């Protein structure tokens, strides 16, 4: 079977094409590619994470065994984690790359193999092509997980505390912690569940997590932050008003939201609110980068504020390429993927949520008014 990579990895239907055999072929090809294309300043290390989909933990384990068998030192997450946590750790460890087992917002029958480059962003097209070309070029080498752990080739660890610590430095966390925000978080049954609870534990904020249980069928929805998937949270908020409701997708790299009474907010509105916050409250400067399918409200805002606007093709990898060049205030796409300066050149739904909370704490106005 031929494996075809999409924007930043390979996705397929579980047990049809996404099998342990095909996953092993892809993992081996990736290991071969990284061995042949060493990058100065990186170590022979790989970070592997996974989401809550059916068999994701087992697919991640198999991937770890293959990278260890190829001589890489592997950091394997001990639980489902947000994709941006894996991206951040790749950059922090100076690893040659990372793998996230996820199909993001796709229907539950899918799983995927997302490739992360050494800078923590999505793999560029040439890397994806290079891996495709090396499929079946070398036999699969692996070492059993427990043997790999015993030899120090595989380290299984909780990567969230380090990631959370990094996020807290990127926002005015003291302001958020003292804001007495009462907000809901619709996790859409994805890996974002519990993240805001952990981040804001011991603060004055009160978090209500909705759709937080581990359900590989995602409660009958696709875990995508769009209004048609907000049925439960809309009904809940109509009965129990909050300040705002943040929404993260299946692998928590994108953000959506509702106002405190359960009226859906579009991702375009959230993008413009954050742009307003970064310019007017944070006094930020730099280029603004948007995918061409993002609202023209951004164009008007940039024109009114004298900001340079760069428009890219669809796919966050194009935004990431601009972010790597530097001097970017914000980068975003219409689907709710937002990249922030000083972080990885990657979408981060958890950080986007914290930035929205920072905005509300700064403005002291309702999200509706804003």
Protein backbone atom coordinates (compact mmCIF):
# COMPACT_ATOMS: atom_id res chain seq x y z
CA UNK A 1 0.00 0.00 0.00
CA UNK A 2 1.29 3.47 -0.86
CA UNK A 3 1.31 5.97 1.98
CA UNK A 4 0.59 9.57 1.01
CA UNK A 5 1.47 12.44 3.32
CA UNK A 6 -0.88 15.41 3.62
CA UNK A 7 -0.07 18.86 5.01
CA UNK A 8 2.08 17.65 7.92
CA UNK A 9 1.82 13.89 8.08
CA UNK A 10 -0.13 10.79 7.18
CA UNK A 11 -3.78 10.09 8.06
CA UNK A 12 -5.83 7.01 7.28
CA UNK A 13 -8.73 4.87 8.53
CA UNK A 14 -7.80 2.68 11.52
CA UNK A 15 -7.50 -1.04 10.68
CA UNK A 16 -8.02 -0.31 6.98
CA UNK A 17 -4.81 1.52 6.02
CA UNK A 18 -3.73 2.80 9.45
CA UNK A 19 -2.38 -0.53 10.70
CA UNK A 20 0.62 -1.49 12.84
CA UNK A 21 2.35 -2.81 9.71
CA UNK A 22 1.94 0.45 7.76
CA UNK A 23 2.76 2.55 10.82
CA UNK A 24 6.00 0.55 11.21
CA UNK A 25 6.91 1.25 7.58
CA UNK A 26 6.32 4.99 8.03
CA UNK A 27 8.22 5.14 11.34
CA UNK A 28 11.18 3.28 9.81
CA UNK A 29 11.22 5.58 6.77
CA UNK A 30 11.18 8.62 9.10
CA UNK A 31 14.03 7.19 11.19
CA UNK A 32 16.05 6.53 8.02
CA UNK A 33 15.36 10.07 6.76
CA UNK A 34 16.51 11.67 10.03
CA UNK A 35 19.65 9.48 10.12
CA UNK A 36 20.53 10.57 6.59
CA UNK A 37 19.69 14.25 7.14
CA UNK A 38 21.35 15.24 10.39
CA UNK A 39 20.76 18.84 11.46
CA UNK A 40 23.53 20.83 13.10
CA UNK A 41 22.72 21.77 16.69
CA UNK A 42 20.26 18.91 17.23
CA UNK A 43 20.67 15.65 19.13
CA UNK A 44 19.65 12.18 17.96
CA UNK A 45 16.48 12.38 19.99
CA UNK A 46 12.78 12.07 19.12
CA UNK A 47 9.71 13.11 21.12
CA UNK A 48 6.56 11.02 20.73
CA UNK A 49 3.07 11.90 21.92
CA UNK A 50 -0.44 10.65 21.20
CA UNK A 51 -4.10 11.61 21.46
CA UNK A 52 -7.17 9.81 22.83
CA UNK A 53 -8.14 7.91 19.68
CA UNK A 54 -8.58 4.16 19.50
CA UNK A 55 -5.16 2.44 19.89
CA UNK A 56 -3.23 5.75 19.82
CA UNK A 57 -1.20 4.72 22.88
CA UNK A 58 -0.24 1.41 21.23
CA UNK A 59 0.65 3.09 17.93
CA UNK A 60 2.86 5.55 19.87
CA UNK A 61 4.53 2.69 21.73
CA UNK A 62 5.31 0.89 18.44
CA UNK A 63 6.72 4.13 16.99
CA UNK A 64 8.97 4.53 20.04
CA UNK A 65 10.25 0.96 19.68
CA UNK A 66 11.25 1.60 16.05
CA UNK A 67 13.07 4.88 16.72
CA UNK A 68 14.91 3.25 19.63
CA UNK A 69 15.80 0.33 17.37
CA UNK A 70 17.35 2.84 14.98
CA UNK A 71 19.59 4.34 17.65
CA UNK A 72 17.52 7.39 18.63
CA UNK A 73 16.88 8.35 22.24
CA UNK A 74 13.11 8.55 22.60
CA UNK A 75 10.98 10.60 25.00
CA UNK A 76 7.55 8.95 25.02
CA UNK A 77 4.63 10.68 26.73
CA UNK A 78 3.06 8.61 29.52
CA UNK A 79 -0.49 9.82 28.68
CA UNK A 80 -2.44 11.55 25.88
CA UNK A 81 -1.13 15.12 25.39
CA UNK A 82 -1.81 18.21 23.24
CA UNK A 83 0.11 18.30 19.97
CA UNK A 84 1.75 21.66 20.89
CA UNK A 85 3.24 20.05 24.03
CA UNK A 86 5.14 17.62 21.78
CA UNK A 87 6.18 20.46 19.44
CA UNK A 88 7.44 22.52 22.39
CA UNK A 89 9.47 19.64 23.86
CA UNK A 90 11.10 18.88 20.48
CA UNK A 91 12.44 22.43 20.37
CA UNK A 92 13.31 22.50 24.09
CA UNK A 93 15.30 19.22 23.91
CA UNK A 94 16.95 20.20 20.61
CA UNK A 95 15.64 16.90 19.26
CA UNK A 96 15.89 16.15 15.55
CA UNK A 97 12.11 15.81 15.40
CA UNK A 98 8.90 14.55 16.89
CA UNK A 99 5.89 12.39 16.11
CA UNK A 100 2.33 12.94 17.29
CA UNK A 101 -0.11 10.07 16.84
CA UNK A 102 -3.33 11.94 16.08
CA UNK A 103 -5.91 12.60 13.41
CA UNK A 104 -6.67 15.98 15.01
CA UNK A 105 -10.28 16.99 14.20
CA UNK A 106 -11.04 14.11 11.79
CA UNK A 107 -13.83 11.59 12.41
CA UNK A 108 -13.15 8.86 15.04
CA UNK A 109 -12.39 6.15 12.43
CA UNK A 110 -9.17 7.97 11.47
CA UNK A 111 -5.77 8.10 13.08
CA UNK A 112 -2.60 9.82 11.96
CA UNK A 113 1.18 10.20 12.15
CA UNK A 114 2.04 13.93 12.43
CA UNK A 115 5.67 14.83 11.83
CA UNK A 116 7.35 17.66 13.72
CA UNK A 117 10.57 19.30 12.53
CA UNK A 118 13.47 20.20 14.87
CA UNK A 119 12.19 23.77 15.35
CA UNK A 120 8.89 22.45 16.77
CA UNK A 121 6.72 23.26 13.76
CA UNK A 122 5.02 21.04 11.21
CA UNK A 123 7.31 19.10 8.91
CA UNK A 124 8.00 20.97 5.66
CA UNK A 125 6.88 19.48 2.34
CA UNK A 126 10.40 18.34 1.45
CA UNK A 127 10.65 16.28 4.65
CA UNK A 128 7.28 14.62 4.00
CA UNK A 129 8.34 13.84 0.42
CA UNK A 130 11.70 12.52 1.65
CA UNK A 131 10.01 10.13 4.09
CA UNK A 132 7.58 8.93 1.40
CA UNK A 133 10.49 8.17 -0.93
CA UNK A 134 12.20 6.06 1.77
CA UNK A 135 9.22 3.79 2.45
CA UNK A 136 10.46 0.17 2.44
CA UNK A 137 14.01 1.34 1.61
CA UNK A 138 15.34 -0.35 4.76
CA UNK A 139 13.97 -3.21 6.89
CA UNK A 140 12.12 -2.26 10.08
CA UNK A 141 14.42 -2.27 13.12
CA UNK A 142 12.94 -2.14 16.60
CA UNK A 143 13.62 -2.85 20.25
CA UNK A 144 10.88 -3.92 22.70
CA UNK A 145 9.65 -1.06 24.89
CA UNK A 146 10.80 -2.53 28.21
CA UNK A 147 14.20 -3.44 26.76
CA UNK A 148 14.50 0.09 25.36
CA UNK A 149 13.67 1.55 28.76
CA UNK A 150 16.17 -0.72 30.48
CA UNK A 151 18.91 0.39 28.08
CA UNK A 152 17.98 4.06 28.50
CA UNK A 153 16.93 4.41 24.85
CA UNK A 154 13.27 5.08 25.74
CA UNK A 155 12.21 7.41 28.54
CA UNK A 156 8.49 7.40 29.39
CA UNK A 157 7.56 10.65 31.13
CA UNK A 158 4.88 13.20 31.91
CA UNK A 159 5.75 16.07 29.57
CA UNK A 160 2.90 18.40 30.60
CA UNK A 161 4.49 20.13 33.67
CA UNK A 162 7.41 21.44 31.58
CA UNK A 163 5.07 22.60 28.81
CA UNK A 164 2.71 24.32 31.28
CA UNK A 165 5.64 26.09 32.93
CA UNK A 166 6.67 27.48 29.54
CA UNK A 167 3.11 28.66 28.77
CA UNK A 168 2.83 30.54 32.07
CA UNK A 169 5.88 32.63 31.10
CA UNK A 170 4.23 33.73 27.83
CA UNK A 171 1.16 35.31 29.46
CA UNK A 172 0.58 37.61 32.44
CA UNK A 173 -0.22 34.61 34.58
CA UNK A 174 -0.49 36.62 37.81
CA UNK A 175 -3.19 38.78 36.23
CA UNK A 176 -5.14 35.71 35.08
CA UNK A 177 -4.67 33.97 38.44
CA UNK A 178 -6.16 36.94 40.31
CA UNK A 179 -8.96 37.67 37.80
CA UNK A 180 -11.66 35.45 39.41
CA UNK A 181 -12.58 34.32 35.90
CA UNK A 182 -15.42 31.83 35.79
CA UNK A 183 -15.12 30.07 32.47
CA UNK A 184 -16.04 26.80 30.80
CA UNK A 185 -13.83 24.67 28.58
CA UNK A 186 -15.40 22.37 26.01
CA UNK A 187 -12.65 19.82 25.33
CA UNK A 188 -14.73 18.05 22.62
CA UNK A 189 -13.58 14.76 24.24
CA UNK A 190 -10.00 15.58 23.20
CA UNK A 191 -6.63 15.83 24.92
CA UNK A 192 -7.22 19.40 26.08
CA UNK A 193 -9.44 18.04 28.87
CA UNK A 194 -8.00 18.95 32.26
CA UNK A 195 -5.30 21.28 30.92
CA UNK A 196 -6.90 24.51 32.15
CA UNK A 197 -7.82 22.86 35.47
CA UNK A 198 -4.15 21.96 36.01
CA UNK A 199 -2.81 25.30 34.79
CA UNK A 200 -5.13 27.34 37.02
CA UNK A 201 -5.18 25.10 40.08
CA UNK A 202 -4.84 27.17 43.26
CA UNK A 203 -5.85 30.45 41.55
CA UNK A 204 -9.06 32.49 41.90
CA UNK A 205 -10.31 31.12 38.54
CA UNK A 206 -13.08 28.55 38.36
CA UNK A 207 -12.95 26.13 35.44
CA UNK A 208 -15.89 23.97 34.33
CA UNK A 209 -14.75 21.27 31.91
CA UNK A 210 -17.38 20.04 29.44
CA UNK A 211 -17.08 16.92 27.27
CA UNK A 212 -13.91 16.02 29.15
CA UNK A 213 -14.21 12.26 29.42
CA UNK A 214 -11.99 9.92 27.39
CA UNK A 215 -14.28 8.69 24.60
CA UNK A 216 -12.59 7.42 21.41
CA UNK A 217 -15.91 7.93 19.56
CA UNK A 218 -15.96 11.62 20.60
CA UNK A 219 -19.59 11.49 21.73
CA UNK A 220 -20.76 11.12 18.14
CA UNK A 221 -19.16 14.38 16.89
CA UNK A 222 -15.98 15.27 15.03
CA UNK A 223 -13.72 17.06 17.55
CA UNK A 224 -13.58 20.26 15.49
CA UNK A 225 -14.14 23.73 17.03
CA UNK A 226 -17.17 24.76 14.93
CA UNK A 227 -20.72 25.60 16.04
CA UNK A 228 -22.39 22.36 14.93
CA UNK A 229 -20.26 20.45 17.49
CA UNK A 230 -21.21 22.76 20.40
CA UNK A 231 -24.70 21.35 21.01
CA UNK A 232 -24.00 20.18 24.56
CA UNK A 233 -22.02 23.24 25.66
CA UNK A 234 -24.63 25.62 24.16
CA UNK A 235 -27.38 23.94 26.18
CA UNK A 236 -25.25 23.87 29.35
CA UNK A 237 -24.25 27.55 29.14
CA UNK A 238 -27.84 28.65 28.47
CA UNK A 239 -28.71 27.12 31.87
CA UNK A 240 -25.42 27.97 33.65
CA UNK A 241 -23.90 31.25 32.33
CA UNK A 242 -20.13 31.72 32.54
CA UNK A 243 -17.78 34.54 31.51
CA UNK A 244 -16.76 32.67 28.37
CA UNK A 245 -16.38 29.12 27.04
CA UNK A 246 -13.12 28.12 25.38
CA UNK A 247 -13.16 25.19 22.95
CA UNK A 248 -10.19 23.06 21.88
CA UNK A 249 -10.14 20.47 19.09
CA UNK A 250 -9.18 16.80 19.35
CA UNK A 251 -5.44 17.38 19.71
CA UNK A 252 -5.79 20.86 21.31
CA UNK A 253 -3.80 22.81 18.75
CA UNK A 254 -6.79 24.92 17.67
CA UNK A 255 -9.18 27.23 19.52
CA UNK A 256 -12.90 27.98 19.26
CA UNK A 257 -15.33 29.51 21.69
CA UNK A 258 -18.75 30.61 22.85
CA UNK A 259 -19.86 33.63 24.82
CA UNK A 260 -20.94 33.09 28.42
CA UNK A 261 -24.56 32.36 27.44
CA UNK A 262 -23.77 29.71 24.86
CA UNK A 263 -23.79 31.74 21.63
CA UNK A 264 -21.02 30.42 19.34
CA UNK A 265 -18.14 32.74 18.45
CA UNK A 266 -16.47 32.22 15.09
CA UNK A 267 -12.75 31.50 14.91
CA UNK A 268 -12.49 34.72 12.84
CA UNK A 269 -13.93 36.73 15.75
CA UNK A 270 -11.49 35.13 18.20
CA UNK A 271 -8.56 35.86 15.89
CA UNK A 272 -9.57 39.54 15.65
CA UNK A 273 -10.06 39.79 19.43
CA UNK A 274 -6.54 38.46 20.00
CA UNK A 275 -5.13 40.80 17.37
CA UNK A 276 -6.86 43.71 19.17
CA UNK A 277 -5.39 42.52 22.48
CA UNK A 278 -1.85 42.16 21.13
CA UNK A 279 -1.84 45.61 19.54
CA UNK A 280 -3.88 47.72 21.98
CA UNK A 281 -3.14 46.08 25.33
CA UNK A 282 0.21 44.37 24.84
CA UNK A 283 1.53 47.16 22.57
CA UNK A 284 2.95 44.50 20.28
CA UNK A 285 4.60 45.18 16.95
CA UNK A 286 5.57 43.04 13.99
CA UNK A 287 4.20 41.43 10.86
CA UNK A 288 0.75 39.82 10.91
CA UNK A 289 0.51 36.55 8.97
CA UNK A 290 -2.80 35.04 7.90
CA UNK A 291 -3.94 32.21 5.65
CA UNK A 292 -5.81 33.60 2.65
CA UNK A 293 -9.11 32.06 3.84
CA UNK A 294 -9.10 34.17 7.03
CA UNK A 295 -11.52 37.09 7.46
CA UNK A 296 -10.90 40.46 5.76
CA UNK A 297 -11.54 42.06 9.18
CA UNK A 298 -7.84 41.32 9.72
CA UNK A 299 -6.91 43.32 6.60
CA UNK A 300 -8.96 46.29 7.82
CA UNK A 301 -7.47 46.09 11.31
CA UNK A 302 -3.91 45.95 9.96
CA UNK A 303 -4.55 48.88 7.61
CA UNK A 304 -6.03 50.98 10.44
CA UNK A 305 -3.05 50.21 12.71
CA UNK A 306 -0.25 50.46 10.14
CA UNK A 307 0.70 46.78 10.42
CA UNK A 308 2.33 44.81 7.62
CA UNK A 309 0.08 41.92 6.60
CA UNK A 310 1.42 38.76 4.93
CA UNK A 311 -1.09 36.44 3.27
CA UNK A 312 -0.15 32.78 2.77
CA UNK A 313 -1.59 29.66 1.20
CA UNK A 314 -3.83 27.34 3.23
CA UNK A 315 -1.94 25.21 5.76
CA UNK A 316 -0.18 26.29 8.92
CA UNK A 317 3.20 25.21 7.54
CA UNK A 318 3.15 28.36 5.35
CA UNK A 319 2.48 30.54 8.40
CA UNK A 320 5.19 28.67 10.33
CA UNK A 321 7.70 29.45 7.55
CA UNK A 322 7.05 33.19 8.10
CA UNK A 323 7.23 32.81 11.89
CA UNK A 324 10.65 31.17 11.62
CA UNK A 325 11.93 34.30 9.83
CA UNK A 326 11.04 36.33 12.96
CA UNK A 327 9.34 39.66 13.64
CA UNK A 328 5.83 38.14 13.58
CA UNK A 329 3.19 39.57 15.92
CA UNK A 330 0.65 36.77 15.33
CA UNK A 331 0.11 34.05 12.75
CA UNK A 332 -3.28 32.43 12.18
CA UNK A 333 -5.61 30.46 9.93
CA UNK A 334 -9.40 30.46 9.68
CA UNK A 335 -9.76 27.06 11.39
CA UNK A 336 -8.64 28.49 14.75
CA UNK A 337 -4.93 27.67 14.49
CA UNK A 338 -2.95 30.53 16.05
CA UNK A 339 0.83 30.86 16.48
CA UNK A 340 2.42 33.21 19.03
CA UNK A 341 5.81 34.96 19.17
CA UNK A 342 8.39 33.59 21.63
CA UNK A 343 6.82 30.11 21.38
CA UNK A 344 7.12 27.34 18.78
CA UNK A 345 6.13 28.18 15.16
CA UNK A 346 3.04 26.06 15.61
CA UNK A 347 -0.66 26.29 16.48
CA UNK A 348 -1.43 26.12 20.19
CA UNK A 349 -5.03 25.99 21.41
CA UNK A 350 -4.07 25.93 25.09
CA UNK A 351 -1.90 29.06 24.81
CA UNK A 352 -4.61 30.76 22.70
CA UNK A 353 -7.09 30.05 25.51
CA UNK A 354 -4.75 31.58 28.11
CA UNK A 355 -4.27 34.65 25.89
CA UNK A 356 -8.06 35.11 25.68
CA UNK A 357 -8.27 34.88 29.48
CA UNK A 358 -5.48 37.46 29.73
CA UNK A 359 -7.45 39.73 27.40
CA UNK A 360 -10.62 39.46 29.53
CA UNK A 361 -8.62 40.07 32.73
CA UNK A 362 -7.03 43.16 31.15
CA UNK A 363 -10.17 44.65 29.57
CA UNK A 364 -12.59 43.84 32.41
CA UNK A 365 -15.40 43.75 29.85
CA UNK A 366 -17.58 40.87 28.71
CA UNK A 367 -16.54 38.98 25.61
CA UNK A 368 -19.85 40.07 24.05
CA UNK A 369 -19.04 43.75 24.60
CA UNK A 370 -15.53 43.30 23.22
